[in-house]
Amino acid sequence: MARHVKWIARTVIAKVDQENKISAWEEAYEQLNRQLRKENILQTTKRNRYYEKPWMRRRRLAYEKPWMRRRRLAYEECKKIYNDEMEQKVSFLLRKNRREPWRI
C-alpha cells in the first residue's frame, strides 16, 4: 500500500475493544489522519478552501516536483476512468426502454 494511486473512495475500518473504547477510537482517528496526510487529501482541501487564481495555479503546477507531477497525472487519469465508468452505469440505469423487472 506504499506506492498506490490515490482513488476516489476509501474506507478505514476500526476494530473496537469493549475494554479500551477510547484508545481504539483515538487509534482509528490517527490511522485515518495518517492515511489522509499520506495521500495529500488534507493539503488539497486546505488549498481549495479559497479561490485560487488561474495564474497562481499555473505557477504552482509549473514549479511542482517531478514525482508530485507524475502522482497528480496518475490521479487525474484514474479519476477520468472512474467518472467515465460511473457515467456509463448511470446512463444504463436511467434507460427508459427496459421491461419492468418486478411486474407480475
N, C-alpha and C. Protein backbone atom coordinates (compact mmCIF):
# COMPACT_ATOMS: atom_id res chain seq x y z
N MET A 1 0.82 -1.19 0.00
CA MET A 1 0.00 0.00 0.00
C MET A 1 0.86 1.25 0.00
N ALA A 2 2.14 1.09 -0.10
CA ALA A 2 3.03 2.23 0.00
C ALA A 2 3.01 3.09 -1.26
N ARG A 3 2.98 2.48 -2.44
CA ARG A 3 3.08 3.26 -3.67
C ARG A 3 1.86 3.03 -4.55
N HIS A 4 0.68 3.20 -4.01
CA HIS A 4 -0.54 3.02 -4.79
C HIS A 4 -1.04 4.36 -5.31
N VAL A 5 -1.93 4.31 -6.26
CA VAL A 5 -2.52 5.52 -6.82
C VAL A 5 -3.71 5.91 -5.95
N LYS A 6 -3.87 7.19 -5.74
CA LYS A 6 -4.95 7.69 -4.91
C LYS A 6 -6.29 7.47 -5.61
N TRP A 7 -7.21 6.80 -4.94
CA TRP A 7 -8.52 6.52 -5.52
C TRP A 7 -9.56 7.46 -4.95
N ILE A 8 -10.73 7.42 -5.52
CA ILE A 8 -11.79 8.35 -5.15
C ILE A 8 -12.42 7.99 -3.80
N ALA A 9 -12.75 6.75 -3.59
CA ALA A 9 -13.44 6.34 -2.37
C ALA A 9 -12.53 5.41 -1.57
N ARG A 10 -12.41 5.66 -0.27
CA ARG A 10 -11.61 4.80 0.61
C ARG A 10 -12.42 4.49 1.85
N THR A 11 -12.12 3.40 2.52
CA THR A 11 -12.78 3.02 3.75
C THR A 11 -11.72 2.67 4.78
N VAL A 12 -11.87 3.20 5.98
CA VAL A 12 -10.99 2.86 7.08
C VAL A 12 -11.81 2.10 8.09
N ILE A 13 -11.39 0.87 8.40
CA ILE A 13 -12.12 0.02 9.33
C ILE A 13 -11.44 0.09 10.70
N ALA A 14 -12.24 0.32 11.73
CA ALA A 14 -11.71 0.41 13.09
C ALA A 14 -12.26 -0.74 13.91
N LYS A 15 -11.37 -1.49 14.55
CA LYS A 15 -11.80 -2.55 15.46
C LYS A 15 -11.83 -1.97 16.87
N VAL A 16 -12.96 -2.11 17.54
CA VAL A 16 -13.13 -1.51 18.86
C VAL A 16 -13.24 -2.62 19.89
N ASP A 17 -12.38 -2.57 20.91
CA ASP A 17 -12.48 -3.47 22.04
C ASP A 17 -13.45 -2.88 23.05
N GLN A 18 -14.17 -3.72 23.75
CA GLN A 18 -15.11 -3.22 24.76
C GLN A 18 -14.38 -2.64 25.97
N GLU A 19 -13.16 -3.11 26.22
CA GLU A 19 -12.42 -2.64 27.39
C GLU A 19 -11.79 -1.27 27.12
N ASN A 20 -11.16 -1.10 25.97
CA ASN A 20 -10.42 0.13 25.67
C ASN A 20 -11.09 0.89 24.53
N LYS A 21 -12.31 1.33 24.73
CA LYS A 21 -13.05 2.01 23.66
C LYS A 21 -12.38 3.32 23.26
N ILE A 22 -11.96 4.10 24.23
CA ILE A 22 -11.41 5.43 23.93
C ILE A 22 -10.10 5.30 23.16
N SER A 23 -9.22 4.43 23.60
CA SER A 23 -7.93 4.30 22.92
C SER A 23 -8.10 3.73 21.51
N ALA A 24 -9.09 2.86 21.33
CA ALA A 24 -9.33 2.30 20.00
C ALA A 24 -9.83 3.37 19.04
N TRP A 25 -10.72 4.24 19.52
CA TRP A 25 -11.22 5.32 18.67
C TRP A 25 -10.12 6.32 18.35
N GLU A 26 -9.27 6.60 19.32
CA GLU A 26 -8.14 7.51 19.07
C GLU A 26 -7.19 6.90 18.04
N GLU A 27 -6.96 5.62 18.16
CA GLU A 27 -6.08 4.93 17.21
C GLU A 27 -6.68 4.96 15.81
N ALA A 28 -7.99 4.75 15.70
CA ALA A 28 -8.65 4.79 14.40
C ALA A 28 -8.58 6.20 13.81
N TYR A 29 -8.76 7.21 14.66
CA TYR A 29 -8.68 8.59 14.19
C TYR A 29 -7.28 8.93 13.70
N GLU A 30 -6.27 8.47 14.42
CA GLU A 30 -4.89 8.69 14.00
C GLU A 30 -4.60 7.96 12.69
N GLN A 31 -5.14 6.75 12.56
CA GLN A 31 -4.93 5.98 11.33
C GLN A 31 -5.58 6.69 10.14
N LEU A 32 -6.78 7.23 10.34
CA LEU A 32 -7.45 7.98 9.28
C LEU A 32 -6.65 9.22 8.89
N ASN A 33 -6.19 9.97 9.89
CA ASN A 33 -5.39 11.17 9.61
C ASN A 33 -4.09 10.83 8.89
N ARG A 34 -3.46 9.72 9.27
CA ARG A 34 -2.23 9.29 8.62
C ARG A 34 -2.48 8.98 7.15
N GLN A 35 -3.60 8.28 6.89
CA GLN A 35 -3.95 7.94 5.51
C GLN A 35 -4.24 9.19 4.70
N LEU A 36 -4.97 10.14 5.27
CA LEU A 36 -5.30 11.38 4.57
C LEU A 36 -4.05 12.22 4.31
N ARG A 37 -3.15 12.25 5.29
CA ARG A 37 -1.91 13.01 5.13
C ARG A 37 -1.02 12.39 4.06
N LYS A 38 -0.99 11.06 4.03
CA LYS A 38 -0.15 10.35 3.07
C LYS A 38 -0.62 10.59 1.64
N GLU A 39 -1.92 10.74 1.44
CA GLU A 39 -2.47 10.93 0.10
C GLU A 39 -2.69 12.40 -0.23
N ASN A 40 -2.21 13.30 0.63
CA ASN A 40 -2.31 14.75 0.41
C ASN A 40 -3.74 15.25 0.28
N ILE A 41 -4.68 14.56 0.89
CA ILE A 41 -6.08 15.00 0.81
C ILE A 41 -6.30 16.22 1.69
N LEU A 42 -5.68 16.23 2.87
CA LEU A 42 -5.82 17.39 3.76
C LEU A 42 -5.23 18.64 3.12
N GLN A 43 -4.09 18.47 2.48
CA GLN A 43 -3.43 19.61 1.82
C GLN A 43 -4.30 20.17 0.69
N THR A 44 -4.93 19.27 -0.08
CA THR A 44 -5.78 19.75 -1.19
C THR A 44 -7.02 20.44 -0.66
N THR A 45 -7.62 19.93 0.40
CA THR A 45 -8.82 20.59 0.94
C THR A 45 -8.47 21.95 1.51
N LYS A 46 -7.32 22.06 2.17
CA LYS A 46 -6.91 23.37 2.67
C LYS A 46 -6.62 24.33 1.53
N ARG A 47 -6.03 23.82 0.45
CA ARG A 47 -5.72 24.67 -0.68
C ARG A 47 -6.99 25.10 -1.41
N ASN A 48 -8.00 24.23 -1.45
CA ASN A 48 -9.24 24.55 -2.15
C ASN A 48 -10.24 25.30 -1.27
N ARG A 49 -9.84 25.66 -0.09
CA ARG A 49 -10.73 26.39 0.79
C ARG A 49 -11.06 27.77 0.22
N TYR A 50 -10.10 28.39 -0.41
CA TYR A 50 -10.29 29.70 -1.03
C TYR A 50 -10.02 29.60 -2.52
N TYR A 51 -10.54 30.54 -3.27
CA TYR A 51 -10.36 30.55 -4.71
C TYR A 51 -8.89 30.82 -5.05
N GLU A 52 -8.39 30.03 -5.98
CA GLU A 52 -7.02 30.20 -6.46
C GLU A 52 -7.07 30.75 -7.88
N LYS A 53 -6.45 31.88 -8.08
CA LYS A 53 -6.48 32.49 -9.41
C LYS A 53 -5.75 31.59 -10.41
N PRO A 54 -6.17 31.61 -11.67
CA PRO A 54 -5.56 30.71 -12.66
C PRO A 54 -4.05 30.89 -12.81
N TRP A 55 -3.57 32.11 -12.75
CA TRP A 55 -2.12 32.30 -12.90
C TRP A 55 -1.37 31.76 -11.71
N MET A 56 -1.98 31.79 -10.51
CA MET A 56 -1.33 31.21 -9.33
C MET A 56 -1.28 29.69 -9.44
N ARG A 57 -2.35 29.10 -9.97
CA ARG A 57 -2.38 27.65 -10.14
C ARG A 57 -1.34 27.22 -11.16
N ARG A 58 -1.24 27.95 -12.28
CA ARG A 58 -0.24 27.61 -13.30
C ARG A 58 1.17 27.70 -12.74
N ARG A 59 1.43 28.72 -11.94
CA ARG A 59 2.76 28.88 -11.35
C ARG A 59 3.05 27.74 -10.38
N ARG A 60 2.05 27.38 -9.54
CA ARG A 60 2.24 26.29 -8.57
C ARG A 60 2.52 24.98 -9.29
N LEU A 61 1.76 24.70 -10.37
CA LEU A 61 1.96 23.46 -11.09
C LEU A 61 3.25 23.45 -11.89
N ALA A 62 3.73 24.62 -12.33
CA ALA A 62 4.98 24.68 -13.09
C ALA A 62 6.18 24.36 -12.21
N TYR A 63 6.10 24.72 -10.93
CA TYR A 63 7.24 24.51 -10.03
C TYR A 63 7.10 23.27 -9.15
N GLU A 64 6.13 22.40 -9.43
CA GLU A 64 5.99 21.22 -8.59
C GLU A 64 7.07 20.19 -8.93
N LYS A 65 7.36 19.34 -7.98
CA LYS A 65 8.40 18.34 -8.16
C LYS A 65 7.96 17.28 -9.16
N PRO A 66 8.91 16.63 -9.86
CA PRO A 66 8.53 15.65 -10.90
C PRO A 66 7.72 14.48 -10.36
N TRP A 67 8.06 13.98 -9.19
CA TRP A 67 7.31 12.84 -8.66
C TRP A 67 5.90 13.26 -8.27
N MET A 68 5.73 14.52 -7.81
CA MET A 68 4.39 15.00 -7.48
C MET A 68 3.57 15.18 -8.76
N ARG A 69 4.24 15.60 -9.82
CA ARG A 69 3.55 15.77 -11.10
C ARG A 69 3.06 14.42 -11.63
N ARG A 70 3.93 13.40 -11.55
CA ARG A 70 3.53 12.06 -12.00
C ARG A 70 2.35 11.54 -11.18
N ARG A 71 2.41 11.76 -9.87
CA ARG A 71 1.33 11.30 -9.00
C ARG A 71 0.03 12.03 -9.33
N ARG A 72 0.10 13.33 -9.57
CA ARG A 72 -1.10 14.11 -9.90
C ARG A 72 -1.69 13.66 -11.23
N LEU A 73 -0.82 13.44 -12.22
CA LEU A 73 -1.32 12.99 -13.52
C LEU A 73 -1.93 11.60 -13.45
N ALA A 74 -1.33 10.71 -12.63
CA ALA A 74 -1.89 9.37 -12.45
C ALA A 74 -3.26 9.46 -11.78
N TYR A 75 -3.38 10.34 -10.80
CA TYR A 75 -4.66 10.52 -10.12
C TYR A 75 -5.72 11.05 -11.07
N GLU A 76 -5.36 12.03 -11.89
CA GLU A 76 -6.31 12.58 -12.84
C GLU A 76 -6.74 11.54 -13.87
N GLU A 77 -5.81 10.67 -14.27
CA GLU A 77 -6.14 9.59 -15.20
C GLU A 77 -7.13 8.61 -14.57
N CYS A 78 -6.87 8.22 -13.32
CA CYS A 78 -7.77 7.30 -12.62
C CYS A 78 -9.14 7.94 -12.42
N LYS A 79 -9.15 9.21 -12.09
CA LYS A 79 -10.42 9.91 -11.88
C LYS A 79 -11.22 9.97 -13.17
N LYS A 80 -10.55 10.17 -14.30
CA LYS A 80 -11.22 10.22 -15.59
C LYS A 80 -11.84 8.87 -15.92
N ILE A 81 -11.10 7.79 -15.70
CA ILE A 81 -11.61 6.44 -15.96
C ILE A 81 -12.80 6.15 -15.06
N TYR A 82 -12.67 6.49 -13.78
CA TYR A 82 -13.75 6.27 -12.81
C TYR A 82 -15.01 7.02 -13.22
N ASN A 83 -14.86 8.29 -13.59
CA ASN A 83 -16.02 9.10 -13.98
C ASN A 83 -16.67 8.56 -15.24
N ASP A 84 -15.87 8.11 -16.21
CA ASP A 84 -16.43 7.54 -17.44
C ASP A 84 -17.24 6.28 -17.14
N GLU A 85 -16.70 5.40 -16.29
CA GLU A 85 -17.41 4.17 -15.96
C GLU A 85 -18.70 4.45 -15.18
N MET A 86 -18.62 5.41 -14.25
CA MET A 86 -19.82 5.75 -13.50
C MET A 86 -20.88 6.37 -14.41
N GLU A 87 -20.46 7.16 -15.37
CA GLU A 87 -21.41 7.76 -16.31
C GLU A 87 -22.10 6.68 -17.14
N GLN A 88 -21.34 5.66 -17.56
CA GLN A 88 -21.93 4.55 -18.31
C GLN A 88 -22.94 3.79 -17.46
N LYS A 89 -22.60 3.55 -16.18
CA LYS A 89 -23.51 2.82 -15.30
C LYS A 89 -24.79 3.61 -15.07
N VAL A 90 -24.66 4.89 -14.84
CA VAL A 90 -25.84 5.73 -14.59
C VAL A 90 -26.71 5.80 -15.84
N SER A 91 -26.09 5.96 -17.00
CA SER A 91 -26.87 6.02 -18.23
C SER A 91 -27.58 4.69 -18.48
N PHE A 92 -26.93 3.58 -18.12
CA PHE A 92 -27.57 2.27 -18.28
C PHE A 92 -28.78 2.16 -17.36
N LEU A 93 -28.63 2.62 -16.13
CA LEU A 93 -29.73 2.52 -15.17
C LEU A 93 -30.89 3.47 -15.50
N LEU A 94 -30.60 4.55 -16.18
CA LEU A 94 -31.64 5.53 -16.48
C LEU A 94 -32.31 5.31 -17.85
N ARG A 95 -32.01 4.19 -18.49
CA ARG A 95 -32.67 3.92 -19.77
C ARG A 95 -34.16 3.74 -19.56
N LYS A 96 -34.93 4.17 -20.52
CA LYS A 96 -36.39 4.14 -20.38
C LYS A 96 -37.02 2.92 -21.04
N ASN A 97 -36.34 2.27 -21.95
CA ASN A 97 -36.98 1.21 -22.74
C ASN A 97 -36.80 -0.19 -22.13
N ARG A 98 -36.53 -0.29 -20.86
CA ARG A 98 -36.36 -1.59 -20.23
C ARG A 98 -37.71 -2.10 -19.72
N ARG A 99 -37.83 -3.42 -19.64
CA ARG A 99 -39.03 -4.02 -19.06
C ARG A 99 -39.03 -3.82 -17.56
N GLU A 100 -40.19 -3.75 -16.98
CA GLU A 100 -40.28 -3.61 -15.53
C GLU A 100 -39.93 -4.95 -14.90
N PRO A 101 -38.88 -5.06 -14.09
CA PRO A 101 -38.44 -6.37 -13.58
C PRO A 101 -39.36 -6.93 -12.49
N TRP A 102 -40.15 -6.10 -11.82
CA TRP A 102 -40.96 -6.58 -10.70
C TRP A 102 -42.43 -6.73 -11.09
N ARG A 103 -42.73 -6.66 -12.37
CA ARG A 103 -44.12 -6.82 -12.79
C ARG A 103 -44.53 -8.29 -12.69
N ILE A 104 -45.72 -8.53 -12.26
CA ILE A 104 -46.21 -9.91 -12.08
C ILE A 104 -46.89 -10.40 -13.34
